[in-house]
Protein backbone atom coordinates (compact mmCIF):
# COMPACT_ATOMS: atom_id res chain seq x y z
CA MET A 1 132.90 122.71 188.34
CA SER A 2 134.50 119.50 187.18
CA LEU A 3 133.11 116.86 184.81
CA PHE A 4 133.89 114.32 187.50
CA SER A 5 132.22 116.11 190.41
CA PRO A 6 128.84 115.01 191.78
CA THR A 7 125.68 117.04 191.28
CA THR A 8 121.91 116.81 191.65
CA VAL A 9 119.48 116.22 188.81
CA GLY A 10 115.95 116.86 189.97
CA ALA A 11 115.16 114.48 192.80
CA VAL A 12 118.35 112.41 192.50
CA ASP A 13 122.04 112.77 193.23
CA VAL A 14 124.43 111.71 190.47
CA ARG A 15 128.08 110.81 190.87
CA ASN A 16 129.44 112.84 187.93
CA ARG A 17 128.35 115.20 185.18
CA VAL A 18 128.42 112.72 182.32
CA SER A 19 125.08 111.55 180.95
CA LEU A 20 124.40 108.60 178.69
CA ALA A 21 122.67 110.08 175.67
CA PRO A 22 119.48 108.25 174.68
CA MET A 23 120.47 106.07 171.72
CA THR A 24 118.43 103.66 169.62
CA ARG A 25 119.79 100.13 170.23
CA LEU A 26 116.83 97.88 169.26
CA ARG A 27 117.47 94.85 171.45
CA ALA A 28 113.97 94.33 172.86
CA ALA A 29 111.91 91.23 172.11
CA GLU A 30 109.25 91.25 169.41
CA ASP A 31 106.65 92.10 172.06
CA GLY A 32 108.63 95.14 173.17
CA VAL A 33 109.84 93.60 176.43
CA PRO A 34 113.40 94.53 177.45
CA GLY A 35 115.13 91.31 178.47
CA PRO A 36 118.21 90.46 180.57
CA ILE A 37 120.57 91.70 177.85
CA VAL A 38 119.08 95.19 178.17
CA ALA A 39 119.45 95.17 181.95
CA LYS A 40 123.07 94.07 181.56
CA TYR A 41 123.80 96.84 179.05
CA TYR A 42 122.57 99.65 181.27
CA ALA A 43 124.04 98.16 184.46
CA GLN A 44 127.46 98.00 182.78
CA ARG A 45 127.25 101.77 182.23
CA ALA A 46 126.04 102.68 185.72
CA GLY A 47 129.28 104.55 186.39
CA ILE A 48 127.95 107.29 184.12
CA GLY A 49 126.24 109.88 186.30
CA LEU A 50 122.86 109.96 184.55
CA LEU A 51 121.73 107.15 182.29
CA VAL A 52 118.94 107.98 179.84
CA THR A 53 117.49 104.98 178.05
CA GLU A 54 116.76 104.62 174.39
CA GLY A 55 113.36 105.91 173.29
CA VAL A 56 110.57 103.77 174.75
CA PHE A 57 107.13 103.75 173.14
CA PRO A 58 104.13 104.75 175.30
CA SER A 59 101.48 103.25 173.01
CA ALA A 60 101.30 100.64 170.26
CA GLU A 61 100.80 103.16 167.45
CA SER A 62 103.81 105.18 168.64
CA ARG A 63 106.37 102.40 168.14
CA ALA A 64 108.93 103.63 165.63
CA TYR A 65 111.18 100.61 165.06
CA PRO A 66 111.25 96.82 165.27
CA GLY A 67 113.24 95.89 168.36
CA GLN A 68 112.27 99.06 170.19
CA PRO A 69 111.15 98.52 173.80
CA GLY A 70 107.80 99.70 175.16
CA ILE A 71 106.25 100.66 178.49
CA VAL A 72 102.64 99.80 177.67
CA THR A 73 102.08 96.27 179.00
CA ASP A 74 102.67 94.67 182.38
CA ALA A 75 105.35 92.46 180.85
CA GLN A 76 107.19 95.48 179.47
CA ALA A 77 107.01 97.22 182.84
CA ALA A 78 108.33 94.10 184.55
CA GLY A 79 111.25 94.04 182.13
CA TRP A 80 112.07 97.64 182.93
CA ALA A 81 111.85 96.93 186.66
CA LYS A 82 114.71 94.47 186.20
CA VAL A 83 116.68 97.11 184.29
CA ALA A 84 116.17 99.61 187.11
CA ASP A 85 117.14 97.04 189.75
CA ALA A 86 120.31 96.15 187.85
CA VAL A 87 121.35 99.79 187.47
CA HIS A 88 120.61 100.62 191.11
CA ALA A 89 122.57 97.56 192.27
CA GLU A 90 125.60 99.19 190.65
CA GLY A 91 124.87 102.55 192.27
CA GLY A 92 123.55 104.17 189.10
CA THR A 93 120.70 106.51 188.18
CA VAL A 94 118.44 105.92 185.19
CA PHE A 95 115.71 107.94 183.46
CA MET A 96 113.50 106.44 180.75
CA GLN A 97 113.11 108.39 177.54
CA LEU A 98 109.46 108.35 176.48
CA MET A 99 109.17 108.57 172.70
CA ASN A 100 106.10 108.68 170.51
CA GLY A 101 107.50 108.03 167.03
CA GLY A 102 104.74 110.01 165.35
CA ARG A 103 105.03 109.63 161.58
CA VAL A 104 108.50 108.03 161.83
CA THR A 105 107.08 104.53 161.53
CA HIS A 106 104.67 102.37 159.51
CA PRO A 107 101.53 100.37 160.35
CA ASP A 108 103.48 97.18 159.59
CA ILE A 109 105.79 98.12 162.48
CA THR A 110 103.14 99.29 164.94
CA GLY A 111 100.57 96.60 164.11
CA THR A 112 97.90 99.30 164.22
CA ASP A 113 95.54 100.69 161.61
CA ARG A 114 97.23 104.07 161.52
CA ILE A 115 100.17 106.18 162.54
CA VAL A 116 99.75 109.71 163.83
CA ALA A 117 101.22 113.18 163.40
CA PRO A 118 100.20 116.82 163.77
CA SER A 119 99.37 116.98 160.05
CA ALA A 120 98.84 114.43 157.27
CA ILE A 121 102.31 114.90 155.77
CA ALA A 122 104.47 111.84 155.13
CA ILE A 123 108.23 111.72 155.45
CA GLN A 124 109.97 111.35 152.11
CA GLY A 125 111.89 108.10 152.04
CA ASP A 126 111.74 104.56 153.34
CA THR A 127 111.73 102.76 156.66
CA ARG A 128 112.76 99.18 157.38
CA LEU A 129 110.43 96.45 158.65
CA ALA A 130 111.37 93.62 161.00
CA ASP A 131 112.22 91.30 158.08
CA GLY A 132 114.52 93.91 156.54
CA THR A 133 112.07 94.93 153.81
CA LYS A 134 112.10 98.62 152.96
CA VAL A 135 108.75 100.39 152.59
CA ALA A 136 107.82 104.00 151.97
CA TYR A 137 106.76 105.98 155.01
CA ALA A 138 102.97 106.08 155.26
CA VAL A 139 100.85 109.20 155.26
CA PRO A 140 99.98 109.75 158.93
CA HIS A 141 96.58 110.45 160.42
CA ALA A 142 96.39 114.10 161.41
CA LEU A 143 95.39 114.04 165.06
CA GLU A 144 92.05 115.68 165.74
CA THR A 145 92.00 118.30 168.47
CA SER A 146 89.81 115.97 170.51
CA GLU A 147 92.41 113.18 170.21
CA LEU A 148 95.30 115.15 171.68
CA PRO A 149 94.32 114.51 175.32
CA ILE A 150 94.43 110.77 174.56
CA VAL A 151 98.01 111.01 173.27
CA ARG A 152 98.95 113.26 176.19
CA ASP A 153 97.53 110.76 178.66
CA GLU A 154 99.52 107.94 177.04
CA PHE A 155 102.67 109.81 178.06
CA VAL A 156 101.26 110.27 181.55
CA ALA A 157 100.40 106.60 181.97
CA ALA A 158 103.79 105.55 180.62
CA ALA A 159 105.57 107.88 183.05
CA ARG A 160 103.61 106.41 185.95
CA ARG A 161 104.45 102.86 184.86
CA ALA A 162 108.13 103.77 184.51
CA VAL A 163 108.39 105.29 187.98
CA ASP A 164 106.37 102.47 189.52
CA ALA A 165 108.82 100.05 187.88
CA GLY A 166 111.65 101.76 189.73
CA LEU A 167 113.07 104.15 187.13
CA ASP A 168 114.32 107.39 188.69
CA GLY A 169 112.46 109.56 186.22
CA VAL A 170 111.51 110.08 182.58
CA GLU A 171 112.69 112.20 179.69
CA LEU A 172 110.16 113.51 177.16
CA HIS A 173 111.59 113.08 173.67
CA SER A 174 110.79 116.33 171.90
CA ALA A 175 113.65 116.10 169.40
CA ASN A 176 114.94 114.36 166.27
CA GLY A 177 111.74 114.46 164.23
CA TYR A 178 109.45 112.36 166.44
CA LEU A 179 105.92 113.33 167.42
CA LEU A 180 106.54 116.10 169.95
CA HIS A 181 109.19 117.63 167.71
CA GLU A 182 106.78 117.38 164.78
CA PHE A 183 104.41 119.68 166.65
CA LEU A 184 107.15 122.30 167.07
CA SER A 185 108.07 122.67 163.39
CA PRO A 186 106.04 124.46 160.70
CA ALA A 187 107.34 121.88 158.22
CA SER A 188 105.43 119.07 159.92
CA ASN A 189 102.75 121.06 161.78
CA GLN A 190 100.37 122.85 159.43
CA ARG A 191 97.39 122.79 161.75
CA THR A 192 94.78 125.53 161.82
CA ASP A 193 93.50 124.89 165.36
CA GLU A 194 95.02 126.21 168.58
CA TYR A 195 97.98 123.81 168.19
CA GLY A 196 99.36 125.31 164.98
CA GLY A 197 99.93 128.49 163.03
CA SER A 198 102.24 130.38 165.40
CA PRO A 199 105.31 129.58 167.53
CA GLU A 200 103.23 129.71 170.70
CA ALA A 201 100.54 127.45 169.26
CA ARG A 202 103.03 124.90 167.94
CA ALA A 203 104.64 124.69 171.38
CA ARG A 204 101.30 124.20 173.14
CA PHE A 205 101.01 120.42 172.93
CA VAL A 206 104.56 119.79 174.15
CA ILE A 207 103.90 122.12 177.08
CA GLU A 208 100.65 120.33 177.93
CA VAL A 209 102.38 116.94 177.89
CA ALA A 210 105.14 118.22 180.19
CA GLN A 211 102.60 119.76 182.56
CA ALA A 212 100.50 116.60 182.72
CA VAL A 213 103.46 114.24 183.25
CA SER A 214 104.86 116.56 185.92
CA ALA A 215 101.54 116.60 187.73
CA GLU A 216 101.49 112.79 187.72
CA ILE A 217 105.01 111.89 188.89
CA GLY A 218 106.49 115.21 190.06
CA ALA A 219 108.38 117.70 187.92
CA GLU A 220 111.62 116.82 189.71
CA ARG A 221 111.44 113.42 187.96
CA VAL A 222 110.79 114.81 184.47
CA GLY A 223 113.39 115.93 181.94
CA ILE A 224 112.86 117.01 178.36
CA ARG A 225 115.06 116.78 175.27
CA ILE A 226 114.90 119.23 172.37
CA SER A 227 116.90 119.73 169.16
CA PRO A 228 116.39 123.24 167.76
CA ALA A 229 117.34 123.52 164.08
CA HIS A 230 118.60 119.94 163.97
CA ASN A 231 116.75 119.37 160.68
CA ILE A 232 116.17 115.63 160.63
CA GLN A 233 113.47 113.26 159.36
CA ASP A 234 111.84 116.08 157.39
CA VAL A 235 111.38 118.27 160.46
CA TRP A 236 112.98 121.38 159.08
CA GLU A 237 113.64 124.47 161.22
CA LYS A 238 115.66 126.68 158.91
CA ASP A 239 114.17 130.10 159.70
CA GLU A 240 116.27 131.36 162.60
CA ALA A 241 113.71 133.87 163.85
CA GLU A 242 110.88 131.33 163.71
CA THR A 243 113.00 128.70 165.46
CA ARG A 244 114.01 131.10 168.21
CA ALA A 245 110.41 132.22 168.74
CA THR A 246 109.17 128.62 168.95
CA TYR A 247 111.75 127.42 171.44
CA GLU A 248 111.58 130.57 173.54
CA ALA A 249 107.83 130.05 173.82
CA LEU A 250 108.38 126.41 174.77
CA VAL A 251 111.15 126.92 177.32
CA SER A 252 109.51 129.99 178.88
CA ALA A 253 106.44 127.88 179.62
CA LEU A 254 108.49 124.95 180.93
CA ALA A 255 110.66 127.05 183.26
CA PRO A 256 108.06 127.54 186.02
CA LEU A 257 107.41 123.78 186.25
CA GLY A 258 110.77 123.05 187.91
CA LEU A 259 111.68 120.15 185.65
CA ALA A 260 114.65 117.93 186.49
CA TYR A 261 116.55 119.11 183.41
CA LEU A 262 116.52 120.44 179.89
CA SER A 263 118.66 118.43 177.45
CA VAL A 264 119.58 120.10 174.16
CA LEU A 265 121.04 118.49 171.06
CA HIS A 266 122.68 121.17 168.92
CA ALA A 267 125.79 121.41 166.76
CA ASP A 268 127.01 124.41 168.76
CA PRO A 269 125.93 124.23 172.42
CA ALA A 270 127.78 127.48 173.15
CA SER A 271 125.74 129.40 170.56
CA GLU A 272 123.70 132.43 171.54
CA LEU A 273 120.37 130.65 170.96
CA ILE A 274 121.23 127.66 173.14
CA GLN A 275 122.70 129.70 175.95
CA ASP A 276 119.69 132.04 175.87
CA LEU A 277 117.43 129.00 176.25
CA ARG A 278 119.56 127.85 179.16
CA ARG A 279 119.12 131.16 180.95
CA THR A 280 115.38 131.10 180.30
CA PHE A 281 115.07 127.57 181.64
CA GLY A 282 117.05 128.36 184.78
CA GLY A 283 117.58 124.73 185.84
CA THR A 284 119.90 121.80 185.19
CA PHE A 285 121.10 121.96 181.59
CA ILE A 286 122.51 119.08 179.53
CA VAL A 287 124.07 119.41 176.07
CA ASN A 288 125.06 117.08 173.27
CA SER A 289 126.62 118.24 170.00
CA GLY A 290 124.78 115.71 167.88
CA PHE A 291 125.15 112.88 165.41
CA SER A 292 127.82 114.51 163.26
CA SER A 293 130.53 114.56 165.92
CA VAL A 294 131.78 112.27 168.65
CA THR A 295 132.09 113.89 172.06
CA THR A 296 135.69 113.61 173.20
CA ARG A 297 137.01 113.69 176.74
CA ASP A 298 138.54 117.14 176.24
CA GLU A 299 135.32 118.53 174.80
CA ALA A 300 133.26 117.16 177.67
CA VAL A 301 135.67 118.53 180.27
CA SER A 302 135.66 121.98 178.71
CA VAL A 303 131.87 122.12 178.36
CA VAL A 304 131.52 121.79 182.12
CA GLU A 305 134.58 123.81 183.15
CA ASP A 306 133.61 126.66 180.79
CA ASP A 307 130.04 126.57 182.18
CA ILE A 308 128.41 125.82 178.85
CA ALA A 309 126.27 123.19 180.59
CA ASP A 310 125.86 121.33 183.86
CA LEU A 311 126.17 117.88 182.28
CA VAL A 312 127.33 116.49 178.94
CA ALA A 313 125.34 113.80 177.13
CA VAL A 314 127.68 111.32 175.46
CA GLY A 315 126.73 108.90 172.70
CA ARG A 316 129.01 106.58 170.78
CA PRO A 317 131.96 106.62 173.20
CA ALA A 318 129.59 105.30 175.88
CA ILE A 319 128.44 102.50 173.58
CA ALA A 320 131.99 101.22 173.14
CA ASN A 321 133.23 101.97 176.65
CA PRO A 322 130.95 100.81 179.47
CA ASP A 323 133.52 102.20 181.92
CA LEU A 324 133.81 105.49 180.03
CA VAL A 325 134.01 107.76 183.08
CA THR A 326 136.84 105.69 184.58
CA ARG A 327 138.73 105.84 181.29
CA TRP A 328 138.25 109.60 181.09
CA GLU A 329 139.33 110.09 184.70
CA GLN A 330 142.51 108.13 183.98
CA ASN A 331 143.01 109.56 180.47
CA ALA A 332 143.07 105.97 179.27
CA SER A 333 142.61 104.72 175.71
CA GLU A 334 139.11 104.00 174.43
CA ASN A 335 137.49 101.16 172.52
CA GLU A 336 136.21 101.99 169.05
CA VAL A 337 132.54 101.59 168.17
CA ASP A 338 131.55 98.64 165.98
CA GLN A 339 129.16 100.62 163.81
CA ALA A 340 127.69 97.52 162.16
CA SER A 341 126.23 96.34 165.48
CA VAL A 342 124.82 99.63 166.76
CA TYR A 343 121.23 99.08 165.63
CA GLY A 344 119.91 95.70 166.69
CA GLY A 345 121.38 92.25 167.22
CA GLY A 346 122.53 90.46 170.34
CA GLU A 347 125.48 90.68 172.71
CA ARG A 348 127.94 91.65 169.98
CA GLY A 349 128.53 95.37 170.00
CA TYR A 350 126.17 95.73 172.96
CA THR A 351 127.41 94.08 176.14
CA ASP A 352 130.72 92.57 174.97
CA TYR A 353 132.94 95.67 174.88
CA PRO A 354 135.94 95.17 177.20
CA PHE A 355 136.50 97.06 180.43
CA LEU A 356 139.87 98.43 181.48
CA GLN A 357 142.07 95.73 182.95
CA GLY A 358 143.66 96.13 186.37
């Protein structure tokens, strides 16, 4: 296998084995509508085999950040239809990451009376409002057992809207401390019903969401992202045996669904745990080494050639280099990321990075 060879991801063919990692960019309008600048950004990167969008909120109370786009209203769906059209016009493939922020937000961001989580445990620390004010994270409402189908169905409805808008599929964000990940960890899930108390019970809600979304739009259009032991936003998974048991329970239940892919964020994708999960899943496998390191060309090439994964999710290099795959194919120099413009703003640091000349 070569990083630059085509492959199939679920129901779609992709031109290479590079994937755009889902990255928070916060360029949507106040009403959560992705505008022309967002369509331009993703279309510029259509040479990457599989584009995965930033996290998109499926309900008002699940919005995590000001500037985050949604897929709740007709206007938001229409905005995403233009993104999909722009990407497809350039021959690209794009999945939408569906992300319920869970407790990683504040009512002053969501505009709702509450925020939700598996248990009423707040994150320690502050979040930033639209005006730049810092406020302490709020104590979330612990979802009642009877409320879980409502949250599940928000994912289902969002997936339907995304596919109807022309997106090629969706990715369920079950990583990085957001709602689905919160259910997986005993640090954030201290429930005593059938959705907490054991690895199998903590995995139950994520499994049910994946099953329901797959039934709605087809499993071949559904990917899922996990981050075992990533330890972020107070979702701690430090007990190796407990972590292994939780993710084995999760992936074992997902395997029969025939999902488009499993994407894993982990500091060591070649580790025994991650490769065991790959074998259990049995389908297309994507890896990303995480926030602490930048994926280099040589690393990406070796991940595929050494059969550590089928695709490599790339973050910051793809922000700064819209023609990243071309640069890597030619072993050309790369633009550096303007870190100050990563989270929010306008064209600067978003759509103004130069392409290779000639």
